[in-house]
Structures are given as structure tokens and as C-alpha cells.
């Protein structure tokens, strides 16, 4: 792995742990089912401006 890939992987693991996931594999599967979930962990919302 490159250094940048390693940094992104560690950030993702940290975000899952902060979100309360103890089992990382289960957390990854949970967030892979809906594309907005990973963004929600980071505090990013996908709202439409009307």
C-alpha cells in the first residue's frame, strides 16, 4: 500500500470506531449498503436546495 492509501484506510477505520462499530467488517458492510451513510459519519449531508 502506498502511504496515502494507508492514511485513508486508517481514517476510515477511525471514523467507523468513532461511530460505534466494534466489528469493522460489519461496519463496512453496513455502510456499503447506502451511499449516504459514509458521508453521514463525516457530517456531510446530501440535501437538495429548493
PDB file of N, CA and C in Angstrom:
ATOM      1  N   UNK A   1       0.835  -1.186   0.000  1.00  0.00           N
ATOM      2  CA  UNK A   1       0.000   0.000   0.000  1.00  0.00           C
ATOM      3  C   UNK A   1       0.876   1.243   0.000  1.00  0.00           C
ATOM      4  N   UNK A   2       0.382   2.239  -0.667  1.00  0.00           N
ATOM      5  CA  UNK A   2       1.103   3.496  -0.640  1.00  0.00           C
ATOM      6  C   UNK A   2       0.796   4.214   0.672  1.00  0.00           C
ATOM      7  N   UNK A   3       1.562   5.204   0.951  1.00  0.00           N
ATOM      8  CA  UNK A   3       1.367   5.956   2.188  1.00  0.00           C
ATOM      9  C   UNK A   3       0.000   6.638   2.225  1.00  0.00           C
ATOM     10  N   UNK A   4      -0.425   7.190   1.086  1.00  0.00           N
ATOM     11  CA  UNK A   4      -1.726   7.869   1.027  1.00  0.00           C
ATOM     12  C   UNK A   4      -2.868   6.877   1.242  1.00  0.00           C
ATOM     13  N   UNK A   5      -2.768   5.698   0.662  1.00  0.00           N
ATOM     14  CA  UNK A   5      -3.794   4.675   0.838  1.00  0.00           C
ATOM     15  C   UNK A   5      -3.880   4.244   2.291  1.00  0.00           C
ATOM     16  N   UNK A   6      -2.728   4.107   2.923  1.00  0.00           N
ATOM     17  CA  UNK A   6      -2.687   3.717   4.325  1.00  0.00           C
ATOM     18  C   UNK A   6      -3.338   4.773   5.207  1.00  0.00           C
ATOM     19  N   UNK A   7      -3.085   6.029   4.907  1.00  0.00           N
ATOM     20  CA  UNK A   7      -3.684   7.126   5.670  1.00  0.00           C
ATOM     21  C   UNK A   7      -5.200   7.111   5.524  1.00  0.00           C
ATOM     22  N   UNK A   8      -5.706   6.942   4.293  1.00  0.00           N
ATOM     23  CA  UNK A   8      -7.155   6.906   4.063  1.00  0.00           C
ATOM     24  C   UNK A   8      -7.799   5.706   4.745  1.00  0.00           C
ATOM     25  N   UNK A   9      -7.118   4.558   4.714  1.00  0.00           N
ATOM     26  CA  UNK A   9      -7.630   3.365   5.384  1.00  0.00           C
ATOM     27  C   UNK A   9      -7.740   3.596   6.883  1.00  0.00           C
ATOM     28  N   UNK A  10      -6.713   4.172   7.487  1.00  0.00           N
ATOM     29  CA  UNK A  10      -6.731   4.441   8.923  1.00  0.00           C
ATOM     30  C   UNK A  10      -7.798   5.466   9.299  1.00  0.00           C
ATOM     31  N   UNK A  11      -8.008   6.457   8.454  1.00  0.00           N
ATOM     32  CA  UNK A  11      -9.072   7.436   8.706  1.00  0.00           C
ATOM     33  C   UNK A  11     -10.448   6.770   8.660  1.00  0.00           C
ATOM     34  N   UNK A  12     -10.654   5.869   7.696  1.00  0.00           N
ATOM     35  CA  UNK A  12     -11.927   5.163   7.594  1.00  0.00           C
ATOM     36  C   UNK A  12     -12.161   4.274   8.816  1.00  0.00           C
ATOM     37  N   UNK A  13     -11.128   3.574   9.249  1.00  0.00           N
ATOM     38  CA  UNK A  13     -11.241   2.723  10.438  1.00  0.00           C
ATOM     39  C   UNK A  13     -11.555   3.576  11.661  1.00  0.00           C
ATOM     40  N   UNK A  14     -10.885   4.697  11.801  1.00  0.00           N
ATOM     41  CA  UNK A  14     -11.144   5.595  12.925  1.00  0.00           C
ATOM     42  C   UNK A  14     -12.559   6.136  12.916  1.00  0.00           C
ATOM     43  N   UNK A  15     -13.063   6.496  11.734  1.00  0.00           N
ATOM     44  CA  UNK A  15     -14.430   7.009  11.628  1.00  0.00           C
ATOM     45  C   UNK A  15     -15.448   5.944  12.014  1.00  0.00           C
ATOM     46  N   UNK A  16     -15.197   4.693  11.599  1.00  0.00           N
ATOM     47  CA  UNK A  16     -16.114   3.609  11.967  1.00  0.00           C
ATOM     48  C   UNK A  16     -16.095   3.371  13.473  1.00  0.00           C
ATOM     49  N   UNK A  17     -14.933   3.436  14.071  1.00  0.00           N
ATOM     50  CA  UNK A  17     -14.843   3.221  15.525  1.00  0.00           C
ATOM     51  C   UNK A  17     -15.518   4.354  16.291  1.00  0.00           C
ATOM     52  N   UNK A  18     -15.339   5.584  15.846  1.00  0.00           N
ATOM     53  CA  UNK A  18     -15.985   6.729  16.493  1.00  0.00           C
ATOM     54  C   UNK A  18     -17.504   6.601  16.373  1.00  0.00           C
ATOM     55  N   UNK A  19     -17.971   6.047  15.250  1.00  0.00           N
ATOM     56  CA  UNK A  19     -19.405   5.863  15.037  1.00  0.00           C
ATOM     57  C   UNK A  19     -19.963   4.715  15.872  1.00  0.00           C
ATOM     58  N   UNK A  20     -19.080   3.988  16.571  1.00  0.00           N
ATOM     59  CA  UNK A  20     -19.555   2.954  17.479  1.00  0.00           C
ATOM     60  C   UNK A  20     -19.454   1.535  16.971  1.00  0.00           C
ATOM     61  N   UNK A  21     -18.841   1.333  15.817  1.00  0.00           N
ATOM     62  CA  UNK A  21     -18.703  -0.018  15.273  1.00  0.00           C
ATOM     63  C   UNK A  21     -17.494  -0.704  15.901  1.00  0.00           C
ATOM     64  N   UNK A  22     -17.746  -1.822  16.566  1.00  0.00           N
ATOM     65  CA  UNK A  22     -16.674  -2.617  17.156  1.00  0.00           C
ATOM     66  C   UNK A  22     -16.147  -3.598  16.116  1.00  0.00           C
ATOM     67  N   UNK A  23     -17.066  -4.216  15.375  1.00  0.00           N
ATOM     68  CA  UNK A  23     -16.708  -5.151  14.320  1.00  0.00           C
ATOM     69  C   UNK A  23     -16.572  -4.355  13.024  1.00  0.00           C
ATOM     70  N   UNK A  24     -15.347  -4.156  12.554  1.00  0.00           N
ATOM     71  CA  UNK A  24     -15.109  -3.309  11.387  1.00  0.00           C
ATOM     72  C   UNK A  24     -15.717  -3.894  10.116  1.00  0.00           C
ATOM     73  N   UNK A  25     -15.645  -5.213   9.947  1.00  0.00           N
ATOM     74  CA  UNK A  25     -16.216  -5.839   8.746  1.00  0.00           C
ATOM     75  C   UNK A  25     -17.721  -5.596   8.682  1.00  0.00           C
ATOM     76  N   UNK A  26     -18.397  -5.729   9.800  1.00  0.00           N
ATOM     77  CA  UNK A  26     -19.843  -5.481   9.845  1.00  0.00           C
ATOM     78  C   UNK A  26     -20.136  -4.004   9.579  1.00  0.00           C
ATOM     79  N   UNK A  27     -19.317  -3.124  10.113  1.00  0.00           N
ATOM     80  CA  UNK A  27     -19.496  -1.692   9.879  1.00  0.00           C
ATOM     81  C   UNK A  27     -19.309  -1.323   8.415  1.00  0.00           C
ATOM     82  N   UNK A  28     -18.334  -1.932   7.775  1.00  0.00           N
ATOM     83  CA  UNK A  28     -18.099  -1.669   6.350  1.00  0.00           C
ATOM     84  C   UNK A  28     -19.286  -2.158   5.526  1.00  0.00           C
ATOM     85  N   UNK A  29     -19.778  -3.363   5.834  1.00  0.00           N
ATOM     86  CA  UNK A  29     -20.945  -3.887   5.106  1.00  0.00           C
ATOM     87  C   UNK A  29     -22.163  -2.999   5.323  1.00  0.00           C
ATOM     88  N   UNK A  30     -22.360  -2.546   6.553  1.00  0.00           N
ATOM     89  CA  UNK A  30     -23.500  -1.678   6.871  1.00  0.00           C
ATOM     90  C   UNK A  30     -23.450  -0.394   6.046  1.00  0.00           C
ATOM     91  N   UNK A  31     -22.302   0.222   5.969  1.00  0.00           N
ATOM     92  CA  UNK A  31     -22.178   1.497   5.264  1.00  0.00           C
ATOM     93  C   UNK A  31     -22.100   1.327   3.756  1.00  0.00           C
ATOM     94  N   UNK A  32     -21.760   0.144   3.281  1.00  0.00           N
ATOM     95  CA  UNK A  32     -21.702  -0.096   1.841  1.00  0.00           C
ATOM     96  C   UNK A  32     -23.099  -0.220   1.233  1.00  0.00           C
ATOM     97  N   UNK A  33     -24.092  -0.513   2.043  1.00  0.00           N
ATOM     98  CA  UNK A  33     -25.462  -0.710   1.537  1.00  0.00           C
ATOM     99  C   UNK A  33     -26.126   0.595   1.117  1.00  0.00           C
ATOM    100  N   UNK A  34     -25.693   1.715   1.651  1.00  0.00           N
ATOM    101  CA  UNK A  34     -26.313   3.006   1.351  1.00  0.00           C
ATOM    102  C   UNK A  34     -25.195   4.034   1.200  1.00  0.00           C
ATOM    103  N   UNK A  35     -25.117   4.665   0.048  1.00  0.00           N
ATOM    104  CA  UNK A  35     -24.002   5.567  -0.240  1.00  0.00           C
ATOM    105  C   UNK A  35     -23.991   6.829   0.614  1.00  0.00           C
ATOM    106  N   UNK A  36     -25.102   7.159   1.279  1.00  0.00           N
ATOM    107  CA  UNK A  36     -25.120   8.362   2.109  1.00  0.00           C
ATOM    108  C   UNK A  36     -24.584   8.106   3.517  1.00  0.00           C
ATOM    109  N   UNK A  37     -24.528   6.835   3.945  1.00  0.00           N
ATOM    110  CA  UNK A  37     -24.080   6.528   5.308  1.00  0.00           C
ATOM    111  C   UNK A  37     -22.630   6.932   5.570  1.00  0.00           C
ATOM    112  N   UNK A  38     -21.689   6.615   4.682  1.00  0.00           N
ATOM    113  CA  UNK A  38     -20.309   7.045   4.965  1.00  0.00           C
ATOM    114  C   UNK A  38     -20.185   8.565   5.063  1.00  0.00           C
ATOM    115  N   UNK A  39     -20.951   9.270   4.249  1.00  0.00           N
ATOM    116  CA  UNK A  39     -20.915  10.732   4.306  1.00  0.00           C
ATOM    117  C   UNK A  39     -21.503  11.248   5.609  1.00  0.00           C
ATOM    118  N   UNK A  40     -22.542  10.576   6.101  1.00  0.00           N
ATOM    119  CA  UNK A  40     -23.190  10.992   7.345  1.00  0.00           C
ATOM    120  C   UNK A  40     -22.240  10.861   8.527  1.00  0.00           C
ATOM    121  N   UNK A  41     -21.390   9.839   8.526  1.00  0.00           N
ATOM    122  CA  UNK A  41     -20.403   9.691   9.601  1.00  0.00           C
ATOM    123  C   UNK A  41     -19.485  10.909   9.651  1.00  0.00           C
ATOM    124  N   UNK A  42     -19.175  11.443   8.470  1.00  0.00           N
ATOM    125  CA  UNK A  42     -18.275  12.590   8.392  1.00  0.00           C
ATOM    126  C   UNK A  42     -18.999  13.917   8.563  1.00  0.00           C
ATOM    127  N   UNK A  43     -20.321  13.857   8.755  1.00  0.00           N
ATOM    128  CA  UNK A  43     -21.092  15.084   8.946  1.00  0.00           C
ATOM    129  C   UNK A  43     -21.478  15.769   7.654  1.00  0.00           C
ATOM    130  N   UNK A  44     -21.425  15.048   6.542  1.00  0.00           N
ATOM    131  CA  UNK A  44     -21.783  15.603   5.245  1.00  0.00           C
ATOM    132  C   UNK A  44     -23.168  15.116   4.891  1.00  0.00           C
ATOM    133  N   UNK A  45     -24.068  16.033   4.567  1.00  0.00           N
ATOM    134  CA  UNK A  45     -25.431  15.658   4.185  1.00  0.00           C
ATOM    135  C   UNK A  45     -25.621  15.905   2.708  1.00  0.00           C
ATOM    136  N   UNK A  46     -26.504  15.133   2.131  1.00  0.00           N
ATOM    137  CA  UNK A  46     -26.816  15.259   0.701  1.00  0.00           C
ATOM    138  C   UNK A  46     -28.227  15.803   0.548  1.00  0.00           C
ATOM    139  N   UNK A  47     -28.389  17.062   0.878  1.00  0.00           N
ATOM    140  CA  UNK A  47     -29.717  17.672   0.789  1.00  0.00           C
ATOM    141  C   UNK A  47     -29.844  18.493  -0.479  1.00  0.00           C
ATOM    142  N   UNK A  48     -31.063  18.616  -0.930  1.00  0.00           N
ATOM    143  CA  UNK A  48     -31.337  19.429  -2.110  1.00  0.00           C
ATOM    144  C   UNK A  48     -31.823  20.808  -1.666  1.00  0.00           C
ATOM    145  N   UNK A  49     -31.333  21.816  -2.310  1.00  0.00           N
ATOM    146  CA  UNK A  49     -31.744  23.180  -2.004  1.00  0.00           C
ATOM    147  C   UNK A  49     -32.940  23.516  -2.877  1.00  0.00           C
ATOM    148  N   UNK A  50     -34.040  23.888  -2.256  1.00  0.00           N
ATOM    149  CA  UNK A  50     -35.265  24.184  -3.025  1.00  0.00           C
ATOM    150  C   UNK A  50     -35.451  25.664  -3.139  1.00  0.00           C
TER     151      UNK A  50
END
